[in-house]
Amino acid sequence: MPNLLTIESNFLRLPEVSSALRLNEVRSIQRTITNAKKKKFEQSLTLAQHVKAAFEWFKSPEGQARFNEEGITWTAEDFGQKVFGWQKSFFYKMVKVASVPAEVVESYNTAADERGEDSQRSVEELLSHAREVESGNTEAGGNEAAPRPKTILSLSFTHADGTKTTLKIDDADGVKLSGEHIQLAIQLIQNSLNF
């Protein structure tokens, strides 16, 4: 139970409170949902292996000869769309995921477990993690070489002329402003706070 005071934790442990709030049932269902999310992610990894094998056959001389015999000329994009029903971007992500080393997948899963019970796992996040490991920002064992700063506040403004201004405050670098018309964005915040 995150961020509870001792008095709150003790209160929730009282048998009559726990029973009234159905905490055992809620926790059981939460664990089932979390396990289902993990299983779905594992299935995506297995699927990626089959997709990669299918794509390799498609690109092979044997596969291309078979397609030509039938008078079918597909691009790789056509293959992903017509065989799997995926847009080009997701299709290539699945092909790439199949090549992520097992130790990187394991470190990604470990990091997801450490983030908490409701941590989402996705192909996109795994590929991002793999890029970080490859660039040396994260070790395959799951130890962050340089932890990501925690975002405290993030604002984005789209001005009437279509330009954007962004403001980000994190616990490492402090305030970051970017874009045009920064003064207009600051004035908007000030005016909004002076109701």
N, C-alpha and C. Protein backbone atom coordinates (compact mmCIF):
# COMPACT_ATOMS: atom_id res chain seq x y z
N MET A 1 0.84 -1.18 0.00
CA MET A 1 0.00 0.00 0.00
C MET A 1 0.88 1.24 0.00
N PRO A 2 0.82 1.99 -1.06
CA PRO A 2 1.74 3.11 -1.22
C PRO A 2 1.39 4.32 -0.35
N ASN A 3 2.43 4.95 0.16
CA ASN A 3 2.32 6.25 0.83
C ASN A 3 1.28 6.32 1.94
N LEU A 4 1.21 5.30 2.76
CA LEU A 4 0.28 5.33 3.88
C LEU A 4 1.00 5.68 5.16
N LEU A 5 0.35 6.47 5.97
CA LEU A 5 0.86 6.73 7.30
C LEU A 5 0.67 5.48 8.14
N THR A 6 1.42 5.37 9.22
CA THR A 6 1.31 4.20 10.10
C THR A 6 -0.11 4.05 10.60
N ILE A 7 -0.74 5.13 10.98
CA ILE A 7 -2.11 5.07 11.49
C ILE A 7 -3.08 4.55 10.42
N GLU A 8 -2.82 4.95 9.16
CA GLU A 8 -3.68 4.50 8.06
C GLU A 8 -3.47 3.00 7.80
N SER A 9 -2.21 2.56 7.80
CA SER A 9 -1.92 1.14 7.60
C SER A 9 -2.56 0.29 8.68
N ASN A 10 -2.42 0.73 9.91
CA ASN A 10 -3.02 -0.01 11.03
C ASN A 10 -4.53 -0.06 10.90
N PHE A 11 -5.13 1.05 10.49
CA PHE A 11 -6.58 1.10 10.31
C PHE A 11 -7.04 0.09 9.27
N LEU A 12 -6.33 0.05 8.15
CA LEU A 12 -6.74 -0.86 7.07
C LEU A 12 -6.51 -2.33 7.43
N ARG A 13 -5.65 -2.60 8.41
CA ARG A 13 -5.40 -3.98 8.85
C ARG A 13 -6.46 -4.48 9.83
N LEU A 14 -7.25 -3.57 10.38
CA LEU A 14 -8.29 -4.01 11.32
C LEU A 14 -9.22 -4.97 10.60
N PRO A 15 -9.48 -6.15 11.19
CA PRO A 15 -10.30 -7.16 10.51
C PRO A 15 -11.66 -6.64 10.03
N GLU A 16 -12.34 -5.84 10.86
CA GLU A 16 -13.67 -5.37 10.45
C GLU A 16 -13.58 -4.36 9.30
N VAL A 17 -12.52 -3.56 9.27
CA VAL A 17 -12.33 -2.60 8.18
C VAL A 17 -11.94 -3.35 6.91
N SER A 18 -10.99 -4.25 7.02
CA SER A 18 -10.55 -5.04 5.88
C SER A 18 -11.72 -5.81 5.26
N SER A 19 -12.55 -6.36 6.12
CA SER A 19 -13.71 -7.11 5.65
C SER A 19 -14.73 -6.18 4.98
N ALA A 20 -15.02 -5.05 5.61
CA ALA A 20 -15.99 -4.11 5.05
C ALA A 20 -15.54 -3.57 3.70
N LEU A 21 -14.24 -3.34 3.56
CA LEU A 21 -13.69 -2.82 2.30
C LEU A 21 -13.40 -3.93 1.29
N ARG A 22 -13.58 -5.17 1.72
CA ARG A 22 -13.33 -6.34 0.86
C ARG A 22 -11.91 -6.33 0.29
N LEU A 23 -10.96 -5.99 1.15
CA LEU A 23 -9.58 -5.83 0.70
C LEU A 23 -8.96 -7.12 0.19
N ASN A 24 -9.28 -8.26 0.81
CA ASN A 24 -8.72 -9.53 0.33
C ASN A 24 -9.19 -9.83 -1.08
N GLU A 25 -10.47 -9.60 -1.34
CA GLU A 25 -11.02 -9.85 -2.67
C GLU A 25 -10.43 -8.88 -3.70
N VAL A 26 -10.34 -7.61 -3.30
CA VAL A 26 -9.79 -6.60 -4.21
C VAL A 26 -8.35 -6.93 -4.55
N ARG A 27 -7.54 -7.26 -3.56
CA ARG A 27 -6.13 -7.57 -3.81
C ARG A 27 -5.99 -8.82 -4.69
N SER A 28 -6.85 -9.80 -4.46
CA SER A 28 -6.81 -11.01 -5.27
C SER A 28 -7.10 -10.71 -6.74
N ILE A 29 -8.11 -9.88 -6.97
CA ILE A 29 -8.45 -9.52 -8.35
C ILE A 29 -7.35 -8.66 -8.96
N GLN A 30 -6.77 -7.76 -8.18
CA GLN A 30 -5.66 -6.94 -8.69
C GLN A 30 -4.49 -7.82 -9.10
N ARG A 31 -4.17 -8.85 -8.30
CA ARG A 31 -3.08 -9.76 -8.65
C ARG A 31 -3.42 -10.52 -9.94
N THR A 32 -4.67 -10.93 -10.09
CA THR A 32 -5.10 -11.64 -11.30
C THR A 32 -4.93 -10.75 -12.52
N ILE A 33 -5.32 -9.48 -12.41
CA ILE A 33 -5.18 -8.54 -13.53
C ILE A 33 -3.70 -8.32 -13.86
N THR A 34 -2.89 -8.13 -12.84
CA THR A 34 -1.46 -7.93 -13.05
C THR A 34 -0.85 -9.14 -13.74
N ASN A 35 -1.20 -10.33 -13.29
CA ASN A 35 -0.67 -11.55 -13.90
C ASN A 35 -1.14 -11.69 -15.34
N ALA A 36 -2.38 -11.27 -15.62
CA ALA A 36 -2.89 -11.33 -16.99
C ALA A 36 -2.12 -10.37 -17.89
N LYS A 37 -1.78 -9.18 -17.37
CA LYS A 37 -0.98 -8.22 -18.15
C LYS A 37 0.40 -8.80 -18.45
N LYS A 38 1.00 -9.44 -17.45
CA LYS A 38 2.32 -10.05 -17.67
C LYS A 38 2.21 -11.15 -18.72
N LYS A 39 1.17 -11.96 -18.62
CA LYS A 39 0.97 -13.06 -19.56
C LYS A 39 0.76 -12.53 -20.98
N LYS A 40 0.00 -11.44 -21.10
CA LYS A 40 -0.24 -10.84 -22.41
C LYS A 40 1.08 -10.38 -23.02
N PHE A 41 1.92 -9.75 -22.21
CA PHE A 41 3.22 -9.29 -22.69
C PHE A 41 4.07 -10.48 -23.12
N GLU A 42 4.09 -11.55 -22.32
CA GLU A 42 4.86 -12.74 -22.67
C GLU A 42 4.36 -13.33 -23.99
N GLN A 43 3.05 -13.31 -24.19
CA GLN A 43 2.48 -13.82 -25.44
C GLN A 43 2.90 -12.95 -26.62
N SER A 44 3.00 -11.62 -26.39
CA SER A 44 3.47 -10.72 -27.45
C SER A 44 4.90 -11.07 -27.85
N LEU A 45 5.73 -11.42 -26.87
CA LEU A 45 7.11 -11.80 -27.17
C LEU A 45 7.16 -13.09 -27.99
N THR A 46 6.32 -14.05 -27.64
CA THR A 46 6.25 -15.30 -28.39
C THR A 46 5.74 -15.04 -29.81
N LEU A 47 4.71 -14.21 -29.91
CA LEU A 47 4.17 -13.85 -31.22
C LEU A 47 5.25 -13.18 -32.07
N ALA A 48 6.05 -12.33 -31.47
CA ALA A 48 7.10 -11.63 -32.20
C ALA A 48 8.08 -12.62 -32.84
N GLN A 49 8.38 -13.70 -32.14
CA GLN A 49 9.29 -14.72 -32.71
C GLN A 49 8.69 -15.33 -33.98
N HIS A 50 7.39 -15.60 -33.95
CA HIS A 50 6.72 -16.18 -35.13
C HIS A 50 6.64 -15.17 -36.27
N VAL A 51 6.38 -13.91 -35.93
CA VAL A 51 6.31 -12.86 -36.94
C VAL A 51 7.67 -12.70 -37.62
N LYS A 52 8.73 -12.70 -36.84
CA LYS A 52 10.08 -12.56 -37.41
C LYS A 52 10.39 -13.73 -38.35
N ALA A 53 10.05 -14.94 -37.92
CA ALA A 53 10.31 -16.12 -38.76
C ALA A 53 9.50 -16.03 -40.07
N ALA A 54 8.26 -15.59 -39.96
CA ALA A 54 7.42 -15.46 -41.16
C ALA A 54 8.00 -14.40 -42.10
N PHE A 55 8.46 -13.29 -41.54
CA PHE A 55 9.02 -12.21 -42.35
C PHE A 55 10.32 -12.65 -43.01
N GLU A 56 11.12 -13.41 -42.29
CA GLU A 56 12.37 -13.92 -42.88
C GLU A 56 12.06 -14.84 -44.06
N TRP A 57 11.02 -15.68 -43.94
CA TRP A 57 10.64 -16.55 -45.06
C TRP A 57 10.14 -15.71 -46.22
N PHE A 58 9.33 -14.70 -45.92
CA PHE A 58 8.82 -13.81 -46.96
C PHE A 58 9.97 -13.18 -47.75
N LYS A 59 11.03 -12.74 -47.05
CA LYS A 59 12.16 -12.08 -47.71
C LYS A 59 13.10 -13.08 -48.40
N SER A 60 13.04 -14.34 -48.03
CA SER A 60 13.98 -15.33 -48.58
C SER A 60 13.72 -15.57 -50.06
N PRO A 61 14.76 -16.06 -50.76
CA PRO A 61 14.56 -16.39 -52.18
C PRO A 61 13.41 -17.40 -52.38
N GLU A 62 13.33 -18.37 -51.47
CA GLU A 62 12.25 -19.36 -51.56
C GLU A 62 10.88 -18.70 -51.41
N GLY A 63 10.75 -17.84 -50.43
CA GLY A 63 9.48 -17.14 -50.21
C GLY A 63 9.12 -16.24 -51.37
N GLN A 64 10.09 -15.48 -51.86
CA GLN A 64 9.82 -14.58 -52.98
C GLN A 64 9.46 -15.38 -54.24
N ALA A 65 10.13 -16.52 -54.43
CA ALA A 65 9.81 -17.36 -55.59
C ALA A 65 8.36 -17.85 -55.50
N ARG A 66 7.96 -18.25 -54.32
CA ARG A 66 6.59 -18.75 -54.13
C ARG A 66 5.57 -17.64 -54.39
N PHE A 67 5.85 -16.44 -53.90
CA PHE A 67 4.95 -15.32 -54.16
C PHE A 67 4.88 -15.03 -55.66
N ASN A 68 6.06 -15.04 -56.33
CA ASN A 68 6.09 -14.78 -57.77
C ASN A 68 5.32 -15.82 -58.56
N GLU A 69 5.43 -17.09 -58.14
CA GLU A 69 4.68 -18.16 -58.80
C GLU A 69 3.18 -17.89 -58.79
N GLU A 70 2.71 -17.29 -57.72
CA GLU A 70 1.29 -17.01 -57.57
C GLU A 70 0.91 -15.64 -58.13
N GLY A 71 1.91 -14.90 -58.62
CA GLY A 71 1.65 -13.59 -59.20
C GLY A 71 1.37 -12.50 -58.17
N ILE A 72 1.91 -12.69 -56.98
CA ILE A 72 1.70 -11.73 -55.90
C ILE A 72 2.99 -10.96 -55.68
N THR A 73 2.89 -9.63 -55.71
CA THR A 73 4.06 -8.78 -55.43
C THR A 73 3.70 -7.86 -54.27
N TRP A 74 4.23 -8.20 -53.12
CA TRP A 74 4.01 -7.41 -51.91
C TRP A 74 5.30 -6.75 -51.48
N THR A 75 5.15 -5.58 -50.92
CA THR A 75 6.27 -4.95 -50.22
C THR A 75 6.26 -5.49 -48.79
N ALA A 76 7.29 -5.16 -48.04
CA ALA A 76 7.32 -5.57 -46.63
C ALA A 76 6.13 -4.97 -45.89
N GLU A 77 5.78 -3.73 -46.23
CA GLU A 77 4.63 -3.06 -45.60
C GLU A 77 3.34 -3.81 -45.93
N ASP A 78 3.19 -4.23 -47.19
CA ASP A 78 2.02 -5.02 -47.59
C ASP A 78 1.96 -6.31 -46.78
N PHE A 79 3.12 -6.95 -46.63
CA PHE A 79 3.18 -8.21 -45.89
C PHE A 79 2.66 -8.03 -44.47
N GLY A 80 3.16 -7.02 -43.76
CA GLY A 80 2.72 -6.77 -42.38
C GLY A 80 1.24 -6.47 -42.30
N GLN A 81 0.74 -5.68 -43.25
CA GLN A 81 -0.67 -5.29 -43.24
C GLN A 81 -1.58 -6.46 -43.61
N LYS A 82 -1.24 -7.17 -44.69
CA LYS A 82 -2.14 -8.20 -45.22
C LYS A 82 -2.09 -9.51 -44.43
N VAL A 83 -0.94 -9.83 -43.88
CA VAL A 83 -0.83 -11.09 -43.14
C VAL A 83 -1.24 -10.92 -41.68
N PHE A 84 -0.79 -9.83 -41.06
CA PHE A 84 -1.03 -9.66 -39.63
C PHE A 84 -2.04 -8.56 -39.30
N GLY A 85 -2.35 -7.72 -40.29
CA GLY A 85 -3.31 -6.64 -40.05
C GLY A 85 -2.72 -5.46 -39.30
N TRP A 86 -1.40 -5.29 -39.36
CA TRP A 86 -0.71 -4.23 -38.62
C TRP A 86 -0.19 -3.17 -39.56
N GLN A 87 -0.15 -1.95 -39.05
CA GLN A 87 0.49 -0.87 -39.77
C GLN A 87 2.00 -1.11 -39.76
N LYS A 88 2.69 -0.46 -40.67
CA LYS A 88 4.13 -0.64 -40.85
C LYS A 88 4.91 -0.49 -39.54
N SER A 89 4.60 0.56 -38.79
CA SER A 89 5.35 0.87 -37.57
C SER A 89 5.27 -0.28 -36.56
N PHE A 90 4.08 -0.76 -36.27
CA PHE A 90 3.94 -1.82 -35.28
C PHE A 90 4.53 -3.13 -35.80
N PHE A 91 4.35 -3.40 -37.09
CA PHE A 91 4.91 -4.61 -37.67
C PHE A 91 6.43 -4.66 -37.46
N TYR A 92 7.11 -3.55 -37.76
CA TYR A 92 8.57 -3.53 -37.59
C TYR A 92 8.97 -3.59 -36.12
N LYS A 93 8.15 -3.04 -35.24
CA LYS A 93 8.44 -3.15 -33.81
C LYS A 93 8.41 -4.62 -33.38
N MET A 94 7.43 -5.35 -33.87
CA MET A 94 7.33 -6.76 -33.51
C MET A 94 8.53 -7.55 -34.05
N VAL A 95 8.96 -7.22 -35.26
CA VAL A 95 10.12 -7.89 -35.83
C VAL A 95 11.36 -7.58 -34.98
N LYS A 96 11.51 -6.31 -34.56
CA LYS A 96 12.67 -5.92 -33.75
C LYS A 96 12.65 -6.58 -32.38
N VAL A 97 11.47 -6.68 -31.78
CA VAL A 97 11.35 -7.27 -30.43
C VAL A 97 11.86 -8.70 -30.43
N ALA A 98 11.66 -9.41 -31.52
CA ALA A 98 12.10 -10.80 -31.59
C ALA A 98 13.61 -10.93 -31.50
N SER A 99 14.33 -9.84 -31.78
CA SER A 99 15.79 -9.88 -31.74
C SER A 99 16.38 -9.33 -30.44
N VAL A 100 15.53 -8.90 -29.52
CA VAL A 100 16.03 -8.38 -28.24
C VAL A 100 16.58 -9.55 -27.43
N PRO A 101 17.82 -9.46 -26.96
CA PRO A 101 18.41 -10.56 -26.19
C PRO A 101 17.61 -10.88 -24.92
N ALA A 102 17.61 -12.14 -24.55
CA ALA A 102 16.85 -12.61 -23.39
C ALA A 102 17.23 -11.87 -22.11
N GLU A 103 18.52 -11.55 -21.94
CA GLU A 103 18.93 -10.87 -20.70
C GLU A 103 18.38 -9.44 -20.65
N VAL A 104 18.18 -8.82 -21.81
CA VAL A 104 17.60 -7.47 -21.84
C VAL A 104 16.11 -7.56 -21.51
N VAL A 105 15.43 -8.57 -22.04
CA VAL A 105 14.02 -8.77 -21.71
C VAL A 105 13.87 -9.01 -20.21
N GLU A 106 14.77 -9.82 -19.66
CA GLU A 106 14.73 -10.11 -18.23
C GLU A 106 14.96 -8.85 -17.40
N SER A 107 15.91 -8.01 -17.81
CA SER A 107 16.16 -6.78 -17.05
C SER A 107 14.98 -5.83 -17.17
N TYR A 108 14.33 -5.82 -18.33
CA TYR A 108 13.12 -4.99 -18.51
C TYR A 108 12.01 -5.46 -17.58
N ASN A 109 11.79 -6.77 -17.53
CA ASN A 109 10.76 -7.33 -16.65
C ASN A 109 11.07 -7.05 -15.18
N THR A 110 12.34 -7.16 -14.82
CA THR A 110 12.75 -6.86 -13.44
C THR A 110 12.46 -5.41 -13.09
N ALA A 111 12.81 -4.51 -14.01
CA ALA A 111 12.55 -3.08 -13.79
C ALA A 111 11.05 -2.81 -13.69
N ALA A 112 10.26 -3.48 -14.52
CA ALA A 112 8.80 -3.31 -14.47
C ALA A 112 8.25 -3.81 -13.14
N ASP A 113 8.77 -4.94 -12.65
CA ASP A 113 8.34 -5.46 -11.35
C ASP A 113 8.68 -4.49 -10.23
N GLU A 114 9.85 -3.87 -10.33
CA GLU A 114 10.29 -2.93 -9.30
C GLU A 114 9.45 -1.65 -9.30
N ARG A 115 8.90 -1.30 -10.47
CA ARG A 115 8.06 -0.09 -10.56
C ARG A 115 6.73 -0.28 -9.85
N GLY A 116 6.33 -1.52 -9.65
CA GLY A 116 5.09 -1.74 -8.92
C GLY A 116 4.18 -2.72 -9.60
N GLU A 117 3.15 -3.10 -8.84
CA GLU A 117 2.23 -4.14 -9.26
C GLU A 117 1.49 -3.79 -10.54
N ASP A 118 1.14 -2.52 -10.73
CA ASP A 118 0.34 -2.14 -11.88
C ASP A 118 1.19 -1.62 -13.04
N SER A 119 2.45 -1.95 -13.05
CA SER A 119 3.34 -1.48 -14.10
C SER A 119 2.93 -2.07 -15.45
N GLN A 120 2.80 -1.20 -16.42
CA GLN A 120 2.45 -1.65 -17.77
C GLN A 120 3.70 -2.18 -18.47
N ARG A 121 3.52 -3.17 -19.28
CA ARG A 121 4.61 -3.72 -20.08
C ARG A 121 4.16 -3.66 -21.54
N SER A 122 5.04 -3.18 -22.39
CA SER A 122 4.67 -3.09 -23.79
C SER A 122 5.88 -3.31 -24.68
N VAL A 123 5.59 -3.64 -25.92
CA VAL A 123 6.62 -3.84 -26.92
C VAL A 123 7.42 -2.55 -27.09
N GLU A 124 6.72 -1.42 -27.12
CA GLU A 124 7.38 -0.13 -27.30
C GLU A 124 8.35 0.16 -26.15
N GLU A 125 7.89 -0.07 -24.92
CA GLU A 125 8.76 0.18 -23.76
C GLU A 125 9.95 -0.77 -23.75
N LEU A 126 9.75 -2.02 -24.14
CA LEU A 126 10.86 -2.96 -24.20
C LEU A 126 11.90 -2.49 -25.21
N LEU A 127 11.46 -2.04 -26.38
CA LEU A 127 12.41 -1.56 -27.38
C LEU A 127 13.15 -0.32 -26.87
N SER A 128 12.47 0.55 -26.16
CA SER A 128 13.12 1.72 -25.57
C SER A 128 14.17 1.29 -24.55
N HIS A 129 13.81 0.32 -23.71
CA HIS A 129 14.75 -0.21 -22.72
C HIS A 129 15.97 -0.83 -23.42
N ALA A 130 15.72 -1.57 -24.50
CA ALA A 130 16.82 -2.21 -25.24
C ALA A 130 17.75 -1.15 -25.82
N ARG A 131 17.19 -0.04 -26.33
CA ARG A 131 18.04 1.04 -26.86
C ARG A 131 18.89 1.65 -25.76
N GLU A 132 18.30 1.82 -24.57
CA GLU A 132 19.06 2.37 -23.44
C GLU A 132 20.20 1.44 -23.04
N VAL A 133 19.92 0.15 -23.02
CA VAL A 133 20.97 -0.82 -22.68
C VAL A 133 22.07 -0.76 -23.73
N GLU A 134 21.68 -0.71 -24.99
CA GLU A 134 22.65 -0.68 -26.08
C GLU A 134 23.51 0.58 -26.03
N SER A 135 22.90 1.70 -25.64
CA SER A 135 23.66 2.96 -25.59
C SER A 135 24.47 3.09 -24.30
N GLY A 136 24.27 2.16 -23.38
CA GLY A 136 25.04 2.18 -22.15
C GLY A 136 24.39 2.95 -21.02
N ASN A 137 23.17 3.44 -21.19
CA ASN A 137 22.49 4.17 -20.13
C ASN A 137 21.93 3.26 -19.05
N THR A 138 21.76 1.99 -19.38
CA THR A 138 21.23 1.02 -18.44
C THR A 138 22.01 -0.27 -18.63
N GLU A 139 22.26 -0.96 -17.55
CA GLU A 139 22.93 -2.26 -17.64
C GLU A 139 21.88 -3.33 -17.90
N ALA A 140 22.26 -4.39 -18.59
CA ALA A 140 21.32 -5.48 -18.88
C ALA A 140 20.82 -6.13 -17.61
N GLY A 141 21.58 -6.05 -16.54
CA GLY A 141 21.15 -6.63 -15.27
C GLY A 141 20.04 -5.84 -14.62
N GLY A 142 19.63 -4.74 -15.21
CA GLY A 142 18.52 -3.98 -14.69
C GLY A 142 18.93 -2.80 -13.83
N ASN A 143 20.22 -2.63 -13.60
CA ASN A 143 20.66 -1.52 -12.77
C ASN A 143 20.79 -0.27 -13.62
N GLU A 144 20.11 0.75 -13.23
CA GLU A 144 20.17 2.00 -13.96
C GLU A 144 21.53 2.66 -13.70
N ALA A 145 22.22 3.00 -14.76
CA ALA A 145 23.47 3.72 -14.60
C ALA A 145 23.17 5.17 -14.22
N ALA A 146 22.14 5.73 -14.84
CA ALA A 146 21.72 7.09 -14.53
C ALA A 146 20.20 7.09 -14.47
N PRO A 147 19.61 7.12 -13.27
CA PRO A 147 18.16 7.06 -13.19
C PRO A 147 17.52 8.27 -13.86
N ARG A 148 16.37 8.03 -14.45
CA ARG A 148 15.64 9.10 -15.11
C ARG A 148 15.12 10.07 -14.06
N PRO A 149 15.18 11.35 -14.37
CA PRO A 149 14.63 12.32 -13.43
C PRO A 149 13.11 12.14 -13.32
N LYS A 150 12.60 12.39 -12.14
CA LYS A 150 11.16 12.30 -11.92
C LYS A 150 10.53 13.63 -12.32
N THR A 151 9.56 13.58 -13.22
CA THR A 151 8.88 14.79 -13.66
C THR A 151 7.92 15.23 -12.56
N ILE A 152 8.07 16.46 -12.15
CA ILE A 152 7.21 17.03 -11.12
C ILE A 152 6.06 17.78 -11.76
N LEU A 153 6.33 18.50 -12.85
CA LEU A 153 5.31 19.28 -13.54
C LEU A 153 5.66 19.34 -15.01
N SER A 154 4.65 19.18 -15.86
CA SER A 154 4.86 19.28 -17.30
C SER A 154 3.66 20.00 -17.90
N LEU A 155 3.92 21.08 -18.62
CA LEU A 155 2.87 21.85 -19.27
C LEU A 155 3.24 22.07 -20.73
N SER A 156 2.24 22.08 -21.58
CA SER A 156 2.45 22.34 -22.99
C SER A 156 1.39 23.34 -23.45
N PHE A 157 1.83 24.37 -24.14
CA PHE A 157 0.93 25.40 -24.63
C PHE A 157 0.97 25.42 -26.14
N THR A 158 -0.20 25.50 -26.77
CA THR A 158 -0.25 25.74 -28.20
C THR A 158 -0.86 27.13 -28.38
N HIS A 159 -0.07 28.02 -28.94
CA HIS A 159 -0.50 29.40 -29.10
C HIS A 159 -1.40 29.52 -30.33
N ALA A 160 -2.07 30.66 -30.44
CA ALA A 160 -3.01 30.91 -31.54
C ALA A 160 -2.33 30.78 -32.90
N ASP A 161 -1.05 31.11 -32.98
CA ASP A 161 -0.36 31.02 -34.27
C ASP A 161 0.18 29.62 -34.57
N GLY A 162 -0.12 28.65 -33.68
CA GLY A 162 0.28 27.26 -33.90
C GLY A 162 1.62 26.89 -33.30
N THR A 163 2.38 27.86 -32.78
CA THR A 163 3.66 27.54 -32.16
C THR A 163 3.41 26.95 -30.78
N LYS A 164 4.41 26.28 -30.26
CA LYS A 164 4.27 25.61 -28.96
C LYS A 164 5.33 26.10 -27.99
N THR A 165 4.93 26.08 -26.74
CA THR A 165 5.84 26.35 -25.64
C THR A 165 5.67 25.22 -24.64
N THR A 166 6.77 24.68 -24.14
CA THR A 166 6.68 23.63 -23.13
C THR A 166 7.46 24.04 -21.89
N LEU A 167 6.93 23.62 -20.77
CA LEU A 167 7.57 23.85 -19.47
C LEU A 167 7.63 22.51 -18.77
N LYS A 168 8.81 22.16 -18.31
CA LYS A 168 8.97 20.90 -17.59
C LYS A 168 9.83 21.15 -16.37
N ILE A 169 9.37 20.62 -15.24
CA ILE A 169 10.15 20.71 -14.01
C ILE A 169 10.38 19.28 -13.54
N ASP A 170 11.64 18.91 -13.35
CA ASP A 170 11.93 17.58 -12.83
C ASP A 170 12.86 17.70 -11.62
N ASP A 171 13.04 16.58 -10.94
CA ASP A 171 13.81 16.61 -9.69
C ASP A 171 15.33 16.61 -9.90
N ALA A 172 15.78 16.56 -11.16
CA ALA A 172 17.22 16.57 -11.41
C ALA A 172 17.69 17.89 -12.01
N ASP A 173 17.03 18.29 -13.10
CA ASP A 173 17.49 19.46 -13.84
C ASP A 173 16.71 20.73 -13.53
N GLY A 174 15.66 20.63 -12.76
CA GLY A 174 14.87 21.81 -12.44
C GLY A 174 13.96 22.19 -13.59
N VAL A 175 13.91 23.47 -13.92
CA VAL A 175 12.97 24.01 -14.92
C VAL A 175 13.61 23.98 -16.30
N LYS A 176 12.82 23.50 -17.28
CA LYS A 176 13.23 23.55 -18.68
C LYS A 176 12.11 24.20 -19.46
N LEU A 177 12.42 25.26 -20.17
CA LEU A 177 11.46 25.94 -21.03
C LEU A 177 11.94 25.81 -22.45
N SER A 178 11.02 25.55 -23.38
CA SER A 178 11.41 25.50 -24.77
C SER A 178 10.27 26.01 -25.64
N GLY A 179 10.61 26.44 -26.81
CA GLY A 179 9.61 26.92 -27.75
C GLY A 179 9.62 28.42 -27.86
N GLU A 180 8.62 28.92 -28.55
CA GLU A 180 8.50 30.35 -28.78
C GLU A 180 7.47 30.94 -27.84
N HIS A 181 7.50 32.23 -27.70
CA HIS A 181 6.50 32.96 -26.92
C HIS A 181 6.45 32.50 -25.47
N ILE A 182 7.61 32.27 -24.88
CA ILE A 182 7.68 31.81 -23.50
C ILE A 182 7.02 32.81 -22.57
N GLN A 183 7.26 34.09 -22.81
CA GLN A 183 6.66 35.12 -21.96
C GLN A 183 5.14 35.08 -22.02
N LEU A 184 4.57 34.82 -23.19
CA LEU A 184 3.12 34.71 -23.31
C LEU A 184 2.59 33.54 -22.48
N ALA A 185 3.31 32.42 -22.50
CA ALA A 185 2.90 31.25 -21.72
C ALA A 185 2.96 31.55 -20.23
N ILE A 186 4.03 32.23 -19.80
CA ILE A 186 4.17 32.59 -18.39
C ILE A 186 3.04 33.55 -17.99
N GLN A 187 2.74 34.51 -18.86
CA GLN A 187 1.66 35.46 -18.59
C GLN A 187 0.32 34.74 -18.49
N LEU A 188 0.09 33.76 -19.34
CA LEU A 188 -1.15 32.97 -19.28
C LEU A 188 -1.29 32.28 -17.93
N ILE A 189 -0.20 31.70 -17.46
CA ILE A 189 -0.23 31.03 -16.14
C ILE A 189 -0.53 32.05 -15.05
N GLN A 190 0.17 33.17 -15.09
CA GLN A 190 -0.04 34.18 -14.06
C GLN A 190 -1.47 34.71 -14.08
N ASN A 191 -1.99 35.00 -15.26
CA ASN A 191 -3.37 35.49 -15.37
C ASN A 191 -4.37 34.46 -14.88
N SER A 192 -4.09 33.19 -15.16
CA SER A 192 -5.00 32.12 -14.73
C SER A 192 -5.01 31.97 -13.22
N LEU A 193 -3.89 32.24 -12.57
CA LEU A 193 -3.78 32.11 -11.13
C LEU A 193 -4.30 33.33 -10.39
N ASN A 194 -4.49 34.43 -11.08
CA ASN A 194 -4.98 35.66 -10.45
C ASN A 194 -6.48 35.86 -10.70
N PHE A 195 -7.25 34.80 -10.58
CA PHE A 195 -8.67 34.93 -10.87
C PHE A 195 -9.24 35.87 -9.94
